[in-house]
Amino acid sequence: MEEIRIHDLIRNRRSTRAYSSKPVPAEALTALFEAARWAPSTMNEQPWRFIYADKNENPEGYNKLLECLFEGNSSWAQHAPVLILTIAKKGYSTLDVDYAHAWHDVGLATGNMLAQATELGLYVHLMGGFSAEKAVELLQIPEGYQPVVMATVGYLGDVNELPENLKAREAAPRTRKPLSELVFNGNWNNQAF
């Protein structure tokens, strides 16, 4: 199969655990959230919400977000200049039913944010290893909203400053499952590729 060309913003995106202490400019953060804002959503509901804190500008908020992370993530995430929590609105504004696709739509907004970050030379690492219950409590998230993932944002730092167990993960090549495991044509039993 010949190589398929995908956009450089997708090809070059990478998660890191090694962050520089260089601050993220406010304009860059605004651009990330603006990119997220333009994501498509079911019935244009736009269920995404974000709570963020810059370590230098809002240390109290940053520490609350950091406190929500599990230890395996907080050990390295504490060096990122910005932390973000993504949140999904669980119900529709105009319908009295659960918004079953809210997480999907938050994922689309987050994907836009990742592409914009790559364009700006920023790295974003998404994390599921956090306490949603703690986030609701510490960050005063109202009823009807659910934390989805947390993220670190910043510029690439020195991988050699990471603990040994994380250095190997950082140096590992970026891999993906083959399309034959992911895509089916017409039914589950018919691999497309």
N, C-alpha and C. Protein backbone atom coordinates (compact mmCIF):
# COMPACT_ATOMS: atom_id res chain seq x y z
N MET A 1 0.85 -1.17 0.00
CA MET A 1 0.00 0.00 0.00
C MET A 1 0.90 1.25 0.00
N GLU A 2 0.62 2.18 -0.90
CA GLU A 2 1.42 3.40 -0.96
C GLU A 2 1.14 4.28 0.26
N GLU A 3 2.11 5.11 0.60
CA GLU A 3 1.95 5.98 1.75
C GLU A 3 0.86 6.99 1.49
N ILE A 4 -0.01 7.14 2.44
CA ILE A 4 -1.11 8.09 2.34
C ILE A 4 -0.67 9.38 3.01
N ARG A 5 -0.86 10.47 2.34
CA ARG A 5 -0.45 11.77 2.86
C ARG A 5 -1.52 12.31 3.79
N ILE A 6 -1.14 12.58 5.03
CA ILE A 6 -2.05 13.24 5.96
C ILE A 6 -1.45 14.59 6.34
N HIS A 7 -2.25 15.47 6.83
CA HIS A 7 -1.82 16.84 7.14
C HIS A 7 -0.70 16.83 8.18
N ASP A 8 0.25 17.74 8.01
CA ASP A 8 1.40 17.82 8.93
C ASP A 8 0.97 18.08 10.37
N LEU A 9 -0.13 18.81 10.57
CA LEU A 9 -0.59 19.08 11.94
C LEU A 9 -1.01 17.78 12.64
N ILE A 10 -1.48 16.83 11.87
CA ILE A 10 -1.84 15.52 12.44
C ILE A 10 -0.59 14.66 12.58
N ARG A 11 0.21 14.64 11.53
CA ARG A 11 1.42 13.81 11.52
C ARG A 11 2.41 14.24 12.61
N ASN A 12 2.53 15.52 12.86
CA ASN A 12 3.54 16.04 13.79
C ASN A 12 3.06 16.18 15.23
N ARG A 13 1.78 16.00 15.47
CA ARG A 13 1.28 16.13 16.84
C ARG A 13 1.90 15.06 17.71
N ARG A 14 2.31 15.44 18.88
CA ARG A 14 2.93 14.48 19.79
C ARG A 14 2.61 14.88 21.22
N SER A 15 2.31 13.92 22.05
CA SER A 15 2.16 14.17 23.49
C SER A 15 3.55 14.12 24.11
N THR A 16 3.76 14.91 25.12
CA THR A 16 5.04 14.86 25.84
C THR A 16 4.78 14.88 27.33
N ARG A 17 5.77 14.45 28.06
CA ARG A 17 5.76 14.57 29.52
C ARG A 17 6.89 15.50 29.96
N ALA A 18 7.67 15.98 29.00
CA ALA A 18 8.82 16.84 29.29
C ALA A 18 8.50 18.26 28.86
N TYR A 19 8.29 19.11 29.82
CA TYR A 19 7.90 20.48 29.54
C TYR A 19 8.96 21.48 29.94
N SER A 20 9.09 22.51 29.13
CA SER A 20 9.93 23.65 29.43
C SER A 20 9.17 24.55 30.41
N SER A 21 9.89 25.36 31.16
CA SER A 21 9.22 26.31 32.06
C SER A 21 8.79 27.58 31.32
N LYS A 22 9.09 27.65 30.03
CA LYS A 22 8.71 28.82 29.22
C LYS A 22 7.20 29.02 29.30
N PRO A 23 6.76 30.22 29.66
CA PRO A 23 5.31 30.48 29.77
C PRO A 23 4.62 30.40 28.41
N VAL A 24 3.36 30.03 28.44
CA VAL A 24 2.52 30.02 27.25
C VAL A 24 1.85 31.38 27.16
N PRO A 25 2.05 32.12 26.07
CA PRO A 25 1.43 33.44 25.95
C PRO A 25 -0.10 33.37 26.00
N ALA A 26 -0.71 34.38 26.58
CA ALA A 26 -2.17 34.43 26.68
C ALA A 26 -2.82 34.33 25.31
N GLU A 27 -2.20 34.94 24.29
CA GLU A 27 -2.76 34.88 22.94
C GLU A 27 -2.79 33.45 22.41
N ALA A 28 -1.79 32.67 22.77
CA ALA A 28 -1.75 31.27 22.32
C ALA A 28 -2.86 30.47 23.00
N LEU A 29 -3.08 30.70 24.28
CA LEU A 29 -4.17 30.00 24.97
C LEU A 29 -5.52 30.39 24.37
N THR A 30 -5.69 31.66 24.09
CA THR A 30 -6.93 32.12 23.46
C THR A 30 -7.13 31.41 22.13
N ALA A 31 -6.05 31.28 21.35
CA ALA A 31 -6.15 30.59 20.06
C ALA A 31 -6.56 29.13 20.24
N LEU A 32 -6.06 28.47 21.27
CA LEU A 32 -6.45 27.07 21.51
C LEU A 32 -7.95 26.96 21.77
N PHE A 33 -8.46 27.84 22.62
CA PHE A 33 -9.89 27.79 22.96
C PHE A 33 -10.76 28.25 21.79
N GLU A 34 -10.25 29.18 21.01
CA GLU A 34 -10.99 29.62 19.82
C GLU A 34 -11.07 28.48 18.80
N ALA A 35 -9.99 27.74 18.63
CA ALA A 35 -10.01 26.58 17.72
C ALA A 35 -11.03 25.55 18.21
N ALA A 36 -11.05 25.31 19.52
CA ALA A 36 -12.02 24.37 20.09
C ALA A 36 -13.45 24.85 19.85
N ARG A 37 -13.66 26.13 19.98
CA ARG A 37 -15.00 26.72 19.84
C ARG A 37 -15.61 26.44 18.47
N TRP A 38 -14.77 26.31 17.45
CA TRP A 38 -15.26 26.13 16.08
C TRP A 38 -15.49 24.68 15.70
N ALA A 39 -15.40 23.78 16.64
CA ALA A 39 -15.65 22.36 16.34
C ALA A 39 -17.14 22.14 16.03
N PRO A 40 -17.44 21.13 15.21
CA PRO A 40 -18.84 20.78 14.97
C PRO A 40 -19.43 20.07 16.19
N SER A 41 -20.75 20.16 16.33
CA SER A 41 -21.41 19.44 17.42
C SER A 41 -22.85 19.12 17.03
N THR A 42 -23.41 18.13 17.67
CA THR A 42 -24.79 17.72 17.44
C THR A 42 -25.72 18.89 17.69
N MET A 43 -26.55 19.20 16.73
CA MET A 43 -27.53 20.30 16.82
C MET A 43 -26.88 21.63 17.22
N ASN A 44 -25.60 21.78 16.92
CA ASN A 44 -24.82 22.96 17.28
C ASN A 44 -24.90 23.25 18.79
N GLU A 45 -24.97 22.20 19.57
CA GLU A 45 -25.13 22.33 21.02
C GLU A 45 -23.87 22.88 21.71
N GLN A 46 -22.69 22.58 21.14
CA GLN A 46 -21.42 23.05 21.70
C GLN A 46 -21.32 22.73 23.20
N PRO A 47 -21.26 21.44 23.53
CA PRO A 47 -21.31 21.02 24.93
C PRO A 47 -20.00 21.15 25.67
N TRP A 48 -18.95 21.63 25.03
CA TRP A 48 -17.64 21.70 25.66
C TRP A 48 -17.53 22.89 26.59
N ARG A 49 -16.88 22.64 27.68
CA ARG A 49 -16.50 23.69 28.63
C ARG A 49 -15.07 23.37 29.05
N PHE A 50 -14.33 24.39 29.43
CA PHE A 50 -12.93 24.21 29.81
C PHE A 50 -12.64 25.01 31.07
N ILE A 51 -11.92 24.40 31.99
CA ILE A 51 -11.34 25.13 33.12
C ILE A 51 -9.84 24.99 32.97
N TYR A 52 -9.15 26.11 32.96
CA TYR A 52 -7.70 26.07 32.80
C TYR A 52 -7.06 26.96 33.86
N ALA A 53 -5.79 26.75 34.06
CA ALA A 53 -5.01 27.63 34.93
C ALA A 53 -3.57 27.63 34.46
N ASP A 54 -3.02 28.81 34.41
CA ASP A 54 -1.61 29.02 34.10
C ASP A 54 -0.86 29.04 35.44
N LYS A 55 0.20 28.27 35.52
CA LYS A 55 0.96 28.13 36.76
C LYS A 55 1.44 29.48 37.31
N ASN A 56 1.87 30.38 36.43
CA ASN A 56 2.38 31.68 36.86
C ASN A 56 1.29 32.69 37.11
N GLU A 57 0.24 32.66 36.31
CA GLU A 57 -0.83 33.66 36.41
C GLU A 57 -1.87 33.31 37.47
N ASN A 58 -2.10 32.03 37.71
CA ASN A 58 -3.13 31.60 38.64
C ASN A 58 -2.67 30.35 39.38
N PRO A 59 -1.67 30.51 40.28
CA PRO A 59 -1.14 29.32 40.97
C PRO A 59 -2.18 28.59 41.82
N GLU A 60 -3.12 29.30 42.39
CA GLU A 60 -4.14 28.64 43.21
C GLU A 60 -5.02 27.73 42.35
N GLY A 61 -5.48 28.24 41.21
CA GLY A 61 -6.27 27.43 40.29
C GLY A 61 -5.47 26.26 39.74
N TYR A 62 -4.20 26.53 39.42
CA TYR A 62 -3.31 25.49 38.89
C TYR A 62 -3.18 24.36 39.91
N ASN A 63 -2.96 24.70 41.16
CA ASN A 63 -2.80 23.67 42.20
C ASN A 63 -4.06 22.87 42.41
N LYS A 64 -5.23 23.49 42.26
CA LYS A 64 -6.49 22.74 42.36
C LYS A 64 -6.60 21.73 41.23
N LEU A 65 -6.27 22.16 40.03
CA LEU A 65 -6.29 21.22 38.90
C LEU A 65 -5.27 20.10 39.11
N LEU A 66 -4.08 20.47 39.54
CA LEU A 66 -3.03 19.49 39.78
C LEU A 66 -3.45 18.47 40.83
N GLU A 67 -4.17 18.92 41.83
CA GLU A 67 -4.63 18.04 42.90
C GLU A 67 -5.61 16.98 42.39
N CYS A 68 -6.26 17.23 41.28
CA CYS A 68 -7.21 16.27 40.71
C CYS A 68 -6.52 15.11 40.00
N LEU A 69 -5.27 15.30 39.60
CA LEU A 69 -4.54 14.26 38.87
C LEU A 69 -4.11 13.13 39.78
N PHE A 70 -4.11 11.92 39.23
CA PHE A 70 -3.54 10.79 39.94
C PHE A 70 -2.03 10.96 39.99
N GLU A 71 -1.38 10.35 40.96
CA GLU A 71 0.05 10.55 41.21
C GLU A 71 0.92 10.25 39.98
N GLY A 72 0.56 9.21 39.23
CA GLY A 72 1.35 8.87 38.05
C GLY A 72 1.42 9.99 37.03
N ASN A 73 0.40 10.81 36.99
CA ASN A 73 0.40 11.96 36.08
C ASN A 73 0.91 13.23 36.75
N SER A 74 0.56 13.44 37.99
CA SER A 74 0.95 14.70 38.64
C SER A 74 2.47 14.82 38.79
N SER A 75 3.16 13.68 38.87
CA SER A 75 4.61 13.71 39.05
C SER A 75 5.33 14.44 37.92
N TRP A 76 4.84 14.32 36.71
CA TRP A 76 5.45 15.03 35.58
C TRP A 76 4.62 16.23 35.13
N ALA A 77 3.30 16.16 35.28
CA ALA A 77 2.42 17.24 34.82
C ALA A 77 2.67 18.54 35.57
N GLN A 78 3.17 18.43 36.79
CA GLN A 78 3.43 19.63 37.60
C GLN A 78 4.44 20.58 36.96
N HIS A 79 5.15 20.11 35.96
CA HIS A 79 6.15 20.94 35.29
C HIS A 79 5.58 21.68 34.07
N ALA A 80 4.38 21.31 33.64
CA ALA A 80 3.75 21.99 32.51
C ALA A 80 3.25 23.37 32.98
N PRO A 81 3.38 24.38 32.15
CA PRO A 81 2.95 25.71 32.56
C PRO A 81 1.44 25.89 32.63
N VAL A 82 0.68 25.05 31.92
CA VAL A 82 -0.78 25.20 31.89
C VAL A 82 -1.44 23.85 32.06
N LEU A 83 -2.50 23.81 32.84
CA LEU A 83 -3.35 22.63 32.98
C LEU A 83 -4.76 22.99 32.52
N ILE A 84 -5.41 22.03 31.85
CA ILE A 84 -6.78 22.23 31.37
C ILE A 84 -7.61 21.02 31.75
N LEU A 85 -8.86 21.27 32.14
CA LEU A 85 -9.85 20.21 32.32
C LEU A 85 -10.93 20.42 31.26
N THR A 86 -11.22 19.38 30.49
CA THR A 86 -12.33 19.45 29.54
C THR A 86 -13.57 18.89 30.23
N ILE A 87 -14.70 19.49 29.90
CA ILE A 87 -15.95 19.16 30.57
C ILE A 87 -17.05 19.04 29.53
N ALA A 88 -17.96 18.09 29.72
CA ALA A 88 -19.10 17.89 28.81
C ALA A 88 -20.40 18.26 29.50
N LYS A 89 -21.23 18.98 28.77
CA LYS A 89 -22.60 19.26 29.22
C LYS A 89 -23.41 18.00 28.96
N LYS A 90 -24.05 17.45 29.99
CA LYS A 90 -24.66 16.13 29.88
C LYS A 90 -26.05 16.13 29.24
N GLY A 91 -26.70 17.28 29.14
CA GLY A 91 -28.04 17.32 28.56
C GLY A 91 -28.15 18.38 27.48
N TYR A 92 -29.14 18.23 26.64
CA TYR A 92 -29.39 19.23 25.60
C TYR A 92 -30.01 20.48 26.21
N SER A 93 -29.86 21.58 25.54
CA SER A 93 -30.48 22.83 25.99
C SER A 93 -31.97 22.86 25.71
N THR A 94 -32.38 22.20 24.61
CA THR A 94 -33.78 22.30 24.17
C THR A 94 -34.55 20.98 24.27
N LEU A 95 -33.88 19.90 24.58
CA LEU A 95 -34.54 18.60 24.69
C LEU A 95 -34.36 18.05 26.10
N ASP A 96 -35.34 17.35 26.58
CA ASP A 96 -35.27 16.80 27.92
C ASP A 96 -34.76 15.34 27.87
N VAL A 97 -33.59 15.17 27.27
CA VAL A 97 -32.96 13.85 27.18
C VAL A 97 -31.46 14.02 27.39
N ASP A 98 -30.81 12.90 27.74
CA ASP A 98 -29.36 12.93 27.88
C ASP A 98 -28.71 13.22 26.53
N TYR A 99 -27.62 13.93 26.58
CA TYR A 99 -26.84 14.25 25.37
C TYR A 99 -25.83 13.12 25.19
N ALA A 100 -26.27 12.06 24.53
CA ALA A 100 -25.46 10.84 24.41
C ALA A 100 -24.15 11.07 23.65
N HIS A 101 -24.09 12.11 22.84
CA HIS A 101 -22.92 12.35 22.00
C HIS A 101 -22.04 13.47 22.54
N ALA A 102 -22.30 13.93 23.74
CA ALA A 102 -21.55 15.07 24.29
C ALA A 102 -20.05 14.79 24.36
N TRP A 103 -19.66 13.60 24.82
CA TRP A 103 -18.24 13.29 24.92
C TRP A 103 -17.59 13.28 23.54
N HIS A 104 -18.30 12.77 22.55
CA HIS A 104 -17.79 12.78 21.18
C HIS A 104 -17.54 14.23 20.75
N ASP A 105 -18.50 15.08 20.99
CA ASP A 105 -18.37 16.48 20.56
C ASP A 105 -17.28 17.21 21.32
N VAL A 106 -17.12 16.91 22.60
CA VAL A 106 -16.00 17.48 23.36
C VAL A 106 -14.68 16.99 22.77
N GLY A 107 -14.66 15.74 22.33
CA GLY A 107 -13.47 15.19 21.68
C GLY A 107 -13.14 15.92 20.39
N LEU A 108 -14.16 16.29 19.62
CA LEU A 108 -13.91 17.05 18.40
C LEU A 108 -13.31 18.41 18.73
N ALA A 109 -13.85 19.07 19.74
CA ALA A 109 -13.32 20.37 20.15
C ALA A 109 -11.88 20.23 20.64
N THR A 110 -11.62 19.16 21.39
CA THR A 110 -10.27 18.92 21.89
C THR A 110 -9.32 18.62 20.74
N GLY A 111 -9.79 17.90 19.74
CA GLY A 111 -8.97 17.63 18.55
C GLY A 111 -8.59 18.93 17.84
N ASN A 112 -9.53 19.85 17.73
CA ASN A 112 -9.22 21.16 17.14
C ASN A 112 -8.15 21.86 17.96
N MET A 113 -8.27 21.76 19.27
CA MET A 113 -7.30 22.39 20.18
C MET A 113 -5.91 21.79 19.96
N LEU A 114 -5.83 20.48 19.79
CA LEU A 114 -4.55 19.82 19.57
C LEU A 114 -3.91 20.26 18.26
N ALA A 115 -4.71 20.39 17.21
CA ALA A 115 -4.17 20.84 15.93
C ALA A 115 -3.65 22.27 16.05
N GLN A 116 -4.40 23.12 16.72
CA GLN A 116 -3.97 24.51 16.89
C GLN A 116 -2.69 24.58 17.73
N ALA A 117 -2.61 23.76 18.75
CA ALA A 117 -1.41 23.73 19.58
C ALA A 117 -0.20 23.33 18.74
N THR A 118 -0.35 22.32 17.90
CA THR A 118 0.75 21.88 17.05
C THR A 118 1.18 23.01 16.12
N GLU A 119 0.22 23.71 15.57
CA GLU A 119 0.51 24.85 14.69
C GLU A 119 1.33 25.92 15.42
N LEU A 120 1.08 26.08 16.72
CA LEU A 120 1.76 27.12 17.51
C LEU A 120 3.05 26.62 18.17
N GLY A 121 3.44 25.37 17.91
CA GLY A 121 4.66 24.83 18.51
C GLY A 121 4.47 24.40 19.96
N LEU A 122 3.22 24.22 20.37
CA LEU A 122 2.90 23.78 21.73
C LEU A 122 2.64 22.28 21.75
N TYR A 123 2.83 21.69 22.91
CA TYR A 123 2.55 20.27 23.12
C TYR A 123 1.41 20.15 24.12
N VAL A 124 0.52 19.22 23.84
CA VAL A 124 -0.61 18.94 24.73
C VAL A 124 -0.60 17.45 25.02
N HIS A 125 -0.74 17.10 26.28
CA HIS A 125 -0.82 15.69 26.66
C HIS A 125 -2.15 15.50 27.37
N LEU A 126 -3.01 14.66 26.80
CA LEU A 126 -4.32 14.38 27.38
C LEU A 126 -4.19 13.26 28.40
N MET A 127 -4.96 13.38 29.50
CA MET A 127 -4.86 12.41 30.59
C MET A 127 -6.25 12.01 31.09
N GLY A 128 -6.47 10.71 31.17
CA GLY A 128 -7.68 10.21 31.81
C GLY A 128 -7.44 9.89 33.28
N GLY A 129 -6.18 9.92 33.71
CA GLY A 129 -5.82 9.57 35.09
C GLY A 129 -6.00 10.73 36.04
N PHE A 130 -7.27 10.97 36.39
CA PHE A 130 -7.60 12.02 37.35
C PHE A 130 -8.92 11.67 38.02
N SER A 131 -9.21 12.35 39.11
CA SER A 131 -10.45 12.12 39.83
C SER A 131 -11.51 13.12 39.39
N ALA A 132 -12.51 12.63 38.67
CA ALA A 132 -13.60 13.49 38.24
C ALA A 132 -14.38 14.02 39.44
N GLU A 133 -14.51 13.17 40.46
CA GLU A 133 -15.25 13.58 41.66
C GLU A 133 -14.53 14.73 42.37
N LYS A 134 -13.23 14.63 42.47
CA LYS A 134 -12.45 15.69 43.09
C LYS A 134 -12.53 16.98 42.26
N ALA A 135 -12.52 16.83 40.94
CA ALA A 135 -12.62 17.99 40.06
C ALA A 135 -13.95 18.71 40.25
N VAL A 136 -15.03 17.95 40.32
CA VAL A 136 -16.35 18.54 40.54
C VAL A 136 -16.35 19.34 41.83
N GLU A 137 -15.79 18.75 42.88
CA GLU A 137 -15.77 19.40 44.20
C GLU A 137 -14.85 20.62 44.22
N LEU A 138 -13.58 20.45 43.86
CA LEU A 138 -12.60 21.52 43.98
C LEU A 138 -12.85 22.68 43.02
N LEU A 139 -13.37 22.36 41.84
CA LEU A 139 -13.52 23.37 40.79
C LEU A 139 -14.95 23.89 40.68
N GLN A 140 -15.81 23.43 41.58
CA GLN A 140 -17.20 23.90 41.69
C GLN A 140 -17.97 23.73 40.37
N ILE A 141 -17.84 22.55 39.79
CA ILE A 141 -18.54 22.25 38.54
C ILE A 141 -20.00 21.96 38.86
N PRO A 142 -20.93 22.65 38.20
CA PRO A 142 -22.34 22.49 38.54
C PRO A 142 -22.94 21.17 38.06
N GLU A 143 -24.08 20.85 38.60
CA GLU A 143 -24.86 19.68 38.18
C GLU A 143 -25.12 19.79 36.68
N GLY A 144 -25.11 18.66 36.01
CA GLY A 144 -25.39 18.66 34.58
C GLY A 144 -24.14 18.73 33.72
N TYR A 145 -22.97 18.78 34.35
CA TYR A 145 -21.70 18.82 33.62
C TYR A 145 -20.79 17.73 34.15
N GLN A 146 -19.98 17.14 33.27
CA GLN A 146 -19.14 16.02 33.66
C GLN A 146 -17.71 16.22 33.14
N PRO A 147 -16.72 16.12 34.03
CA PRO A 147 -15.33 16.18 33.58
C PRO A 147 -15.03 15.03 32.60
N VAL A 148 -14.24 15.34 31.57
CA VAL A 148 -13.92 14.34 30.55
C VAL A 148 -12.45 13.94 30.62
N VAL A 149 -11.54 14.86 30.32
CA VAL A 149 -10.11 14.59 30.41
C VAL A 149 -9.38 15.84 30.90
N MET A 150 -8.18 15.63 31.37
CA MET A 150 -7.31 16.74 31.72
C MET A 150 -6.18 16.79 30.71
N ALA A 151 -5.54 17.96 30.62
CA ALA A 151 -4.46 18.14 29.65
C ALA A 151 -3.38 19.04 30.23
N THR A 152 -2.16 18.77 29.83
CA THR A 152 -1.05 19.67 30.07
C THR A 152 -0.78 20.41 28.77
N VAL A 153 -0.31 21.65 28.88
CA VAL A 153 0.02 22.46 27.70
C VAL A 153 1.32 23.19 27.97
N GLY A 154 2.19 23.19 26.98
CA GLY A 154 3.43 23.94 27.11
C GLY A 154 4.38 23.64 25.97
N TYR A 155 5.57 24.16 26.10
CA TYR A 155 6.63 23.94 25.12
C TYR A 155 7.46 22.74 25.53
N LEU A 156 8.06 22.09 24.54
CA LEU A 156 8.85 20.90 24.79
C LEU A 156 10.05 21.22 25.68
N GLY A 157 10.24 20.38 26.67
CA GLY A 157 11.37 20.52 27.58
C GLY A 157 12.41 19.45 27.31
N ASP A 158 13.30 19.28 28.26
CA ASP A 158 14.40 18.33 28.14
C ASP A 158 13.95 16.95 28.63
N VAL A 159 13.86 16.01 27.72
CA VAL A 159 13.43 14.65 28.05
C VAL A 159 14.37 14.02 29.08
N ASN A 160 15.64 14.40 29.08
CA ASN A 160 16.61 13.83 30.01
C ASN A 160 16.34 14.22 31.46
N GLU A 161 15.49 15.19 31.69
CA GLU A 161 15.14 15.58 33.06
C GLU A 161 14.02 14.72 33.64
N LEU A 162 13.43 13.88 32.81
CA LEU A 162 12.36 12.99 33.28
C LEU A 162 12.94 11.81 34.05
N PRO A 163 12.15 11.19 34.93
CA PRO A 163 12.60 9.95 35.58
C PRO A 163 12.85 8.88 34.52
N GLU A 164 13.70 7.94 34.83
CA GLU A 164 14.10 6.90 33.88
C GLU A 164 12.91 6.17 33.25
N ASN A 165 11.90 5.84 34.06
CA ASN A 165 10.76 5.08 33.53
C ASN A 165 9.97 5.87 32.48
N LEU A 166 10.03 7.20 32.53
CA LEU A 166 9.31 8.01 31.56
C LEU A 166 10.15 8.36 30.34
N LYS A 167 11.47 8.37 30.48
CA LYS A 167 12.35 8.67 29.34
C LYS A 167 12.12 7.70 28.19
N ALA A 168 12.02 6.42 28.53
CA ALA A 168 11.83 5.40 27.49
C ALA A 168 10.51 5.61 26.76
N ARG A 169 9.47 5.98 27.50
CA ARG A 169 8.17 6.22 26.86
C ARG A 169 8.22 7.42 25.94
N GLU A 170 8.98 8.43 26.33
CA GLU A 170 9.13 9.63 25.50
C GLU A 170 9.90 9.34 24.22
N ALA A 171 10.90 8.47 24.32
CA ALA A 171 11.76 8.17 23.17
C ALA A 171 11.13 7.15 22.22
N ALA A 172 10.09 6.47 22.67
CA ALA A 172 9.46 5.44 21.83
C ALA A 172 8.84 6.06 20.59
N PRO A 173 8.91 5.35 19.47
CA PRO A 173 8.28 5.87 18.25
C PRO A 173 6.77 5.94 18.42
N ARG A 174 6.18 6.87 17.74
CA ARG A 174 4.73 7.04 17.76
C ARG A 174 4.13 5.95 16.88
N THR A 175 3.31 5.09 17.45
CA THR A 175 2.75 3.96 16.71
C THR A 175 1.22 4.01 16.72
N ARG A 176 0.62 3.39 15.74
CA ARG A 176 -0.82 3.27 15.65
C ARG A 176 -1.16 1.88 15.15
N LYS A 177 -2.33 1.40 15.53
CA LYS A 177 -2.81 0.11 15.03
C LYS A 177 -3.05 0.23 13.53
N PRO A 178 -2.93 -0.88 12.80
CA PRO A 178 -3.18 -0.83 11.36
C PRO A 178 -4.67 -0.61 11.08
N LEU A 179 -4.98 0.00 9.93
CA LEU A 179 -6.36 0.23 9.55
C LEU A 179 -7.17 -1.06 9.53
N SER A 180 -6.52 -2.18 9.23
CA SER A 180 -7.22 -3.47 9.18
C SER A 180 -7.86 -3.84 10.52
N GLU A 181 -7.36 -3.30 11.62
CA GLU A 181 -7.95 -3.56 12.94
C GLU A 181 -9.03 -2.55 13.30
N LEU A 182 -9.11 -1.47 12.54
CA LEU A 182 -9.95 -0.35 12.95
C LEU A 182 -11.15 -0.07 12.05
N VAL A 183 -11.06 -0.46 10.79
CA VAL A 183 -12.09 -0.05 9.82
C VAL A 183 -12.70 -1.28 9.17
N PHE A 184 -14.04 -1.30 9.10
CA PHE A 184 -14.78 -2.42 8.53
C PHE A 184 -15.72 -1.89 7.45
N ASN A 185 -15.94 -2.69 6.43
CA ASN A 185 -16.76 -2.28 5.31
C ASN A 185 -18.09 -3.02 5.33
N GLY A 186 -19.14 -2.35 5.69
CA GLY A 186 -20.48 -2.93 5.67
C GLY A 186 -20.88 -3.69 6.92
N ASN A 187 -19.96 -4.45 7.50
CA ASN A 187 -20.24 -5.14 8.76
C ASN A 187 -18.92 -5.46 9.46
N TRP A 188 -19.02 -5.84 10.71
CA TRP A 188 -17.86 -6.06 11.56
C TRP A 188 -16.90 -7.12 11.02
N ASN A 189 -17.43 -8.08 10.31
CA ASN A 189 -16.62 -9.20 9.84
C ASN A 189 -15.92 -8.95 8.51
N ASN A 190 -16.05 -7.77 7.97
CA ASN A 190 -15.45 -7.47 6.68
C ASN A 190 -14.45 -6.32 6.83
N GLN A 191 -13.18 -6.70 7.02
CA GLN A 191 -12.15 -5.67 7.16
C GLN A 191 -12.05 -4.86 5.88
N ALA A 192 -11.93 -3.55 6.02
CA ALA A 192 -11.89 -2.66 4.86
C ALA A 192 -10.50 -2.61 4.24
N PHE A 193 -9.48 -2.85 5.03
CA PHE A 193 -8.10 -2.72 4.53
C PHE A 193 -7.30 -3.97 4.81
